[in-house]
């Protein structure tokens, strides 16, 4: 099982836009239901920090 945690901050005027993009990701994941994928996202209390946690049961290649 591969796990990835991503934490980042956005500019205050872009936080709501980023939240909308995240919602689109979840809509796509709901539509396609990829096997073995678990994905969660959090908007932290400062309103501009986000954390994404991904877990994949199959081999995953991560590029930076």
PDB file of N, CA and C in Angstrom:
ATOM      1  N   UNK A   1       0.848  -1.175   0.000  1.00  0.00           N
ATOM      2  CA  UNK A   1       0.000   0.000   0.000  1.00  0.00           C
ATOM      3  C   UNK A   1       0.897   1.242   0.000  1.00  0.00           C
ATOM      4  N   UNK A   2       0.616   2.145  -0.862  1.00  0.00           N
ATOM      5  CA  UNK A   2       1.340   3.410  -0.959  1.00  0.00           C
ATOM      6  C   UNK A   2       0.504   4.510  -0.315  1.00  0.00           C
ATOM      7  N   UNK A   3       1.172   5.412   0.396  1.00  0.00           N
ATOM      8  CA  UNK A   3       0.481   6.540   1.020  1.00  0.00           C
ATOM      9  C   UNK A   3       1.214   7.825   0.675  1.00  0.00           C
ATOM     10  N   UNK A   4       0.458   8.869   0.512  1.00  0.00           N
ATOM     11  CA  UNK A   4       1.020  10.173   0.197  1.00  0.00           C
ATOM     12  C   UNK A   4       0.250  11.231   0.973  1.00  0.00           C
ATOM     13  N   UNK A   5       0.968  12.127   1.613  1.00  0.00           N
ATOM     14  CA  UNK A   5       0.356  13.247   2.326  1.00  0.00           C
ATOM     15  C   UNK A   5       0.917  14.527   1.721  1.00  0.00           C
ATOM     16  N   UNK A   6       0.022  15.418   1.343  1.00  0.00           N
ATOM     17  CA  UNK A   6       0.413  16.691   0.756  1.00  0.00           C
ATOM     18  C   UNK A   6      -0.204  17.806   1.584  1.00  0.00           C
ATOM     19  N   UNK A   7       0.624  18.741   2.001  1.00  0.00           N
ATOM     20  CA  UNK A   7       0.131  19.907   2.753  1.00  0.00           C
ATOM     21  C   UNK A   7       0.645  21.154   2.056  1.00  0.00           C
ATOM     22  N   UNK A   8      -0.235  22.126   1.864  1.00  0.00           N
ATOM     23  CA  UNK A   8       0.165  23.358   1.187  1.00  0.00           C
ATOM     24  C   UNK A   8      -0.729  24.506   1.626  1.00  0.00           C
ATOM     25  N   UNK A   9      -0.266  25.717   1.335  1.00  0.00           N
ATOM     26  CA  UNK A   9      -1.037  26.929   1.588  1.00  0.00           C
ATOM     27  C   UNK A   9      -1.275  27.630   0.265  1.00  0.00           C
ATOM     28  N   UNK A  10      -2.417  28.294   0.190  1.00  0.00           N
ATOM     29  CA  UNK A  10      -2.736  29.124  -0.965  1.00  0.00           C
ATOM     30  C   UNK A  10      -2.905  30.560  -0.495  1.00  0.00           C
ATOM     31  N   UNK A  11      -2.880  31.474  -1.435  1.00  0.00           N
ATOM     32  CA  UNK A  11      -3.131  32.869  -1.086  1.00  0.00           C
ATOM     33  C   UNK A  11      -4.578  33.003  -0.624  1.00  0.00           C
ATOM     34  N   UNK A  12      -4.830  33.874   0.350  1.00  0.00           N
ATOM     35  CA  UNK A  12      -6.187  34.001   0.897  1.00  0.00           C
ATOM     36  C   UNK A  12      -7.271  34.220  -0.156  1.00  0.00           C
ATOM     37  N   UNK A  13      -6.970  34.973  -1.196  1.00  0.00           N
ATOM     38  CA  UNK A  13      -7.985  35.238  -2.218  1.00  0.00           C
ATOM     39  C   UNK A  13      -8.197  34.054  -3.161  1.00  0.00           C
ATOM     40  N   UNK A  14      -7.425  32.959  -3.004  1.00  0.00           N
ATOM     41  CA  UNK A  14      -7.556  31.777  -3.860  1.00  0.00           C
ATOM     42  C   UNK A  14      -8.084  30.553  -3.111  1.00  0.00           C
ATOM     43  N   UNK A  15      -8.298  30.675  -1.805  1.00  0.00           N
ATOM     44  CA  UNK A  15      -8.686  29.519  -0.997  1.00  0.00           C
ATOM     45  C   UNK A  15     -10.041  28.938  -1.408  1.00  0.00           C
ATOM     46  N   UNK A  16     -11.033  29.776  -1.626  1.00  0.00           N
ATOM     47  CA  UNK A  16     -12.347  29.265  -2.030  1.00  0.00           C
ATOM     48  C   UNK A  16     -12.276  28.613  -3.411  1.00  0.00           C
ATOM     49  N   UNK A  17     -11.486  29.190  -4.304  1.00  0.00           N
ATOM     50  CA  UNK A  17     -11.303  28.604  -5.629  1.00  0.00           C
ATOM     51  C   UNK A  17     -10.656  27.218  -5.511  1.00  0.00           C
ATOM     52  N   UNK A  18      -9.653  27.103  -4.665  1.00  0.00           N
ATOM     53  CA  UNK A  18      -8.993  25.819  -4.456  1.00  0.00           C
ATOM     54  C   UNK A  18      -9.983  24.791  -3.907  1.00  0.00           C
ATOM     55  N   UNK A  19     -10.825  25.228  -2.976  1.00  0.00           N
ATOM     56  CA  UNK A  19     -11.837  24.339  -2.412  1.00  0.00           C
ATOM     57  C   UNK A  19     -12.771  23.819  -3.506  1.00  0.00           C
ATOM     58  N   UNK A  20     -13.127  24.654  -4.458  1.00  0.00           N
ATOM     59  CA  UNK A  20     -13.988  24.228  -5.570  1.00  0.00           C
ATOM     60  C   UNK A  20     -13.286  23.191  -6.437  1.00  0.00           C
ATOM     61  N   UNK A  21     -11.996  23.366  -6.677  1.00  0.00           N
ATOM     62  CA  UNK A  21     -11.239  22.375  -7.451  1.00  0.00           C
ATOM     63  C   UNK A  21     -11.212  21.030  -6.721  1.00  0.00           C
ATOM     64  N   UNK A  22     -11.041  21.075  -5.418  1.00  0.00           N
ATOM     65  CA  UNK A  22     -11.037  19.844  -4.628  1.00  0.00           C
ATOM     66  C   UNK A  22     -12.390  19.147  -4.743  1.00  0.00           C
ATOM     67  N   UNK A  23     -13.460  19.912  -4.688  1.00  0.00           N
ATOM     68  CA  UNK A  23     -14.797  19.333  -4.819  1.00  0.00           C
ATOM     69  C   UNK A  23     -14.958  18.647  -6.170  1.00  0.00           C
ATOM     70  N   UNK A  24     -14.405  19.232  -7.218  1.00  0.00           N
ATOM     71  CA  UNK A  24     -14.477  18.612  -8.545  1.00  0.00           C
ATOM     72  C   UNK A  24     -13.719  17.288  -8.575  1.00  0.00           C
ATOM     73  N   UNK A  25     -12.597  17.225  -7.866  1.00  0.00           N
ATOM     74  CA  UNK A  25     -11.846  15.971  -7.769  1.00  0.00           C
ATOM     75  C   UNK A  25     -12.712  14.899  -7.119  1.00  0.00           C
ATOM     76  N   UNK A  26     -13.371  15.244  -6.016  1.00  0.00           N
ATOM     77  CA  UNK A  26     -14.220  14.267  -5.339  1.00  0.00           C
ATOM     78  C   UNK A  26     -15.404  13.851  -6.202  1.00  0.00           C
ATOM     79  N   UNK A  27     -15.960  14.765  -6.959  1.00  0.00           N
ATOM     80  CA  UNK A  27     -17.047  14.411  -7.881  1.00  0.00           C
ATOM     81  C   UNK A  27     -16.562  13.401  -8.919  1.00  0.00           C
ATOM     82  N   UNK A  28     -15.371  13.622  -9.460  1.00  0.00           N
ATOM     83  CA  UNK A  28     -14.805  12.704 -10.444  1.00  0.00           C
ATOM     84  C   UNK A  28     -14.500  11.346  -9.817  1.00  0.00           C
ATOM     85  N   UNK A  29     -13.947  11.336  -8.612  1.00  0.00           N
ATOM     86  CA  UNK A  29     -13.673  10.078  -7.933  1.00  0.00           C
ATOM     87  C   UNK A  29     -14.966   9.315  -7.643  1.00  0.00           C
ATOM     88  N   UNK A  30     -16.004  10.029  -7.279  1.00  0.00           N
ATOM     89  CA  UNK A  30     -17.294   9.393  -7.036  1.00  0.00           C
ATOM     90  C   UNK A  30     -17.843   8.793  -8.336  1.00  0.00           C
ATOM     91  N   UNK A  31     -17.661   9.523  -9.428  1.00  0.00           N
ATOM     92  CA  UNK A  31     -18.161   9.066 -10.728  1.00  0.00           C
ATOM     93  C   UNK A  31     -17.409   7.835 -11.224  1.00  0.00           C
ATOM     94  N   UNK A  32     -16.088   7.824 -11.060  1.00  0.00           N
ATOM     95  CA  UNK A  32     -15.270   6.750 -11.633  1.00  0.00           C
ATOM     96  C   UNK A  32     -14.990   5.605 -10.663  1.00  0.00           C
ATOM     97  N   UNK A  33     -15.095   5.852  -9.378  1.00  0.00           N
ATOM     98  CA  UNK A  33     -14.862   4.836  -8.338  1.00  0.00           C
ATOM     99  C   UNK A  33     -13.606   4.003  -8.591  1.00  0.00           C
ATOM    100  N   UNK A  34     -12.428   4.632  -8.622  1.00  0.00           N
ATOM    101  CA  UNK A  34     -11.212   3.856  -8.873  1.00  0.00           C
ATOM    102  C   UNK A  34     -10.952   2.844  -7.755  1.00  0.00           C
ATOM    103  N   UNK A  35     -10.637   1.629  -8.165  1.00  0.00           N
ATOM    104  CA  UNK A  35     -10.423   0.542  -7.224  1.00  0.00           C
ATOM    105  C   UNK A  35      -9.159   0.757  -6.395  1.00  0.00           C
ATOM    106  N   UNK A  36      -9.263   0.526  -5.097  1.00  0.00           N
ATOM    107  CA  UNK A  36      -8.108   0.573  -4.220  1.00  0.00           C
ATOM    108  C   UNK A  36      -7.626   1.954  -3.834  1.00  0.00           C
ATOM    109  N   UNK A  37      -8.394   2.977  -4.147  1.00  0.00           N
ATOM    110  CA  UNK A  37      -7.991   4.355  -3.860  1.00  0.00           C
ATOM    111  C   UNK A  37      -8.804   4.908  -2.696  1.00  0.00           C
ATOM    112  N   UNK A  38      -8.105   5.483  -1.747  1.00  0.00           N
ATOM    113  CA  UNK A  38      -8.748   6.217  -0.657  1.00  0.00           C
ATOM    114  C   UNK A  38      -8.148   7.615  -0.648  1.00  0.00           C
ATOM    115  N   UNK A  39      -9.016   8.615  -0.581  1.00  0.00           N
ATOM    116  CA  UNK A  39      -8.568   9.997  -0.722  1.00  0.00           C
ATOM    117  C   UNK A  39      -9.381  10.877   0.209  1.00  0.00           C
ATOM    118  N   UNK A  40      -8.706  11.661   1.015  1.00  0.00           N
ATOM    119  CA  UNK A  40      -9.380  12.634   1.859  1.00  0.00           C
ATOM    120  C   UNK A  40      -8.661  13.971   1.742  1.00  0.00           C
ATOM    121  N   UNK A  41      -9.390  15.023   1.991  1.00  0.00           N
ATOM    122  CA  UNK A  41      -8.826  16.363   1.919  1.00  0.00           C
ATOM    123  C   UNK A  41      -9.403  17.181   3.055  1.00  0.00           C
ATOM    124  N   UNK A  42      -8.562  18.022   3.624  1.00  0.00           N
ATOM    125  CA  UNK A  42      -8.976  18.874   4.727  1.00  0.00           C
ATOM    126  C   UNK A  42      -8.562  20.307   4.463  1.00  0.00           C
ATOM    127  N   UNK A  43      -9.434  21.227   4.786  1.00  0.00           N
ATOM    128  CA  UNK A  43      -9.095  22.644   4.802  1.00  0.00           C
ATOM    129  C   UNK A  43      -8.893  23.003   6.270  1.00  0.00           C
ATOM    130  N   UNK A  44      -7.708  23.451   6.610  1.00  0.00           N
ATOM    131  CA  UNK A  44      -7.381  23.689   8.010  1.00  0.00           C
ATOM    132  C   UNK A  44      -8.014  24.976   8.522  1.00  0.00           C
ATOM    133  N   UNK A  45      -7.977  25.147   9.822  1.00  0.00           N
ATOM    134  CA  UNK A  45      -8.703  26.245  10.464  1.00  0.00           C
ATOM    135  C   UNK A  45      -8.208  27.634  10.072  1.00  0.00           C
ATOM    136  N   UNK A  46      -6.984  27.746   9.541  1.00  0.00           N
ATOM    137  CA  UNK A  46      -6.517  29.059   9.095  1.00  0.00           C
ATOM    138  C   UNK A  46      -7.167  29.485   7.781  1.00  0.00           C
ATOM    139  N   UNK A  47      -7.883  28.554   7.144  1.00  0.00           N
ATOM    140  CA  UNK A  47      -8.626  28.868   5.923  1.00  0.00           C
ATOM    141  C   UNK A  47      -7.812  28.839   4.649  1.00  0.00           C
ATOM    142  N   UNK A  48      -6.499  28.772   4.750  1.00  0.00           N
ATOM    143  CA  UNK A  48      -5.658  28.802   3.546  1.00  0.00           C
ATOM    144  C   UNK A  48      -4.732  27.585   3.436  1.00  0.00           C
ATOM    145  N   UNK A  49      -4.715  26.740   4.445  1.00  0.00           N
ATOM    146  CA  UNK A  49      -3.893  25.526   4.416  1.00  0.00           C
ATOM    147  C   UNK A  49      -4.780  24.333   4.096  1.00  0.00           C
ATOM    148  N   UNK A  50      -4.252  23.441   3.268  1.00  0.00           N
ATOM    149  CA  UNK A  50      -4.974  22.246   2.854  1.00  0.00           C
ATOM    150  C   UNK A  50      -4.083  21.038   3.051  1.00  0.00           C
ATOM    151  N   UNK A  51      -4.705  19.917   3.396  1.00  0.00           N
ATOM    152  CA  UNK A  51      -3.993  18.648   3.521  1.00  0.00           C
ATOM    153  C   UNK A  51      -4.772  17.608   2.724  1.00  0.00           C
ATOM    154  N   UNK A  52      -4.052  16.865   1.896  1.00  0.00           N
ATOM    155  CA  UNK A  52      -4.633  15.768   1.130  1.00  0.00           C
ATOM    156  C   UNK A  52      -3.901  14.498   1.550  1.00  0.00           C
ATOM    157  N   UNK A  53      -4.655  13.443   1.782  1.00  0.00           N
ATOM    158  CA  UNK A  53      -4.075  12.146   2.118  1.00  0.00           C
ATOM    159  C   UNK A  53      -4.614  11.132   1.116  1.00  0.00           C
ATOM    160  N   UNK A  54      -3.674  10.444   0.466  1.00  0.00           N
ATOM    161  CA  UNK A  54      -4.029   9.456  -0.549  1.00  0.00           C
ATOM    162  C   UNK A  54      -3.446   8.119  -0.144  1.00  0.00           C
ATOM    163  N   UNK A  55      -4.246   7.076  -0.269  1.00  0.00           N
ATOM    164  CA  UNK A  55      -3.787   5.723  -0.025  1.00  0.00           C
ATOM    165  C   UNK A  55      -4.213   4.882  -1.223  1.00  0.00           C
ATOM    166  N   UNK A  56      -3.242   4.144  -1.783  1.00  0.00           N
ATOM    167  CA  UNK A  56      -3.507   3.322  -2.955  1.00  0.00           C
ATOM    168  C   UNK A  56      -3.076   1.892  -2.637  1.00  0.00           C
ATOM    169  N   UNK A  57      -3.962   0.951  -2.862  1.00  0.00           N
ATOM    170  CA  UNK A  57      -3.655  -0.442  -2.565  1.00  0.00           C
ATOM    171  C   UNK A  57      -2.790  -1.097  -3.627  1.00  0.00           C
ATOM    172  N   UNK A  58      -2.669  -0.501  -4.785  1.00  0.00           N
ATOM    173  CA  UNK A  58      -1.838  -1.048  -5.850  1.00  0.00           C
ATOM    174  C   UNK A  58      -0.603  -0.184  -5.999  1.00  0.00           C
ATOM    175  N   UNK A  59       0.336  -0.631  -6.824  1.00  0.00           N
ATOM    176  CA  UNK A  59       1.561   0.126  -7.052  1.00  0.00           C
ATOM    177  C   UNK A  59       1.223   1.510  -7.587  1.00  0.00           C
ATOM    178  N   UNK A  60       1.912   2.535  -7.078  1.00  0.00           N
ATOM    179  CA  UNK A  60       1.659   3.907  -7.477  1.00  0.00           C
ATOM    180  C   UNK A  60       3.002   4.561  -7.754  1.00  0.00           C
ATOM    181  N   UNK A  61       3.082   5.272  -8.853  1.00  0.00           N
ATOM    182  CA  UNK A  61       4.268   6.017  -9.182  1.00  0.00           C
ATOM    183  C   UNK A  61       4.018   7.475  -8.849  1.00  0.00           C
ATOM    184  N   UNK A  62       4.874   8.059  -8.042  1.00  0.00           N
ATOM    185  CA  UNK A  62       4.738   9.453  -7.650  1.00  0.00           C
ATOM    186  C   UNK A  62       5.847  10.231  -8.337  1.00  0.00           C
ATOM    187  N   UNK A  63       5.460  11.292  -9.056  1.00  0.00           N
ATOM    188  CA  UNK A  63       6.441  12.163  -9.674  1.00  0.00           C
ATOM    189  C   UNK A  63       6.378  13.518  -9.009  1.00  0.00           C
ATOM    190  N   UNK A  64       7.482  14.170  -8.945  1.00  0.00           N
ATOM    191  CA  UNK A  64       7.541  15.477  -8.277  1.00  0.00           C
ATOM    192  C   UNK A  64       7.763  16.555  -9.298  1.00  0.00           C
TER     193      UNK A  64
END
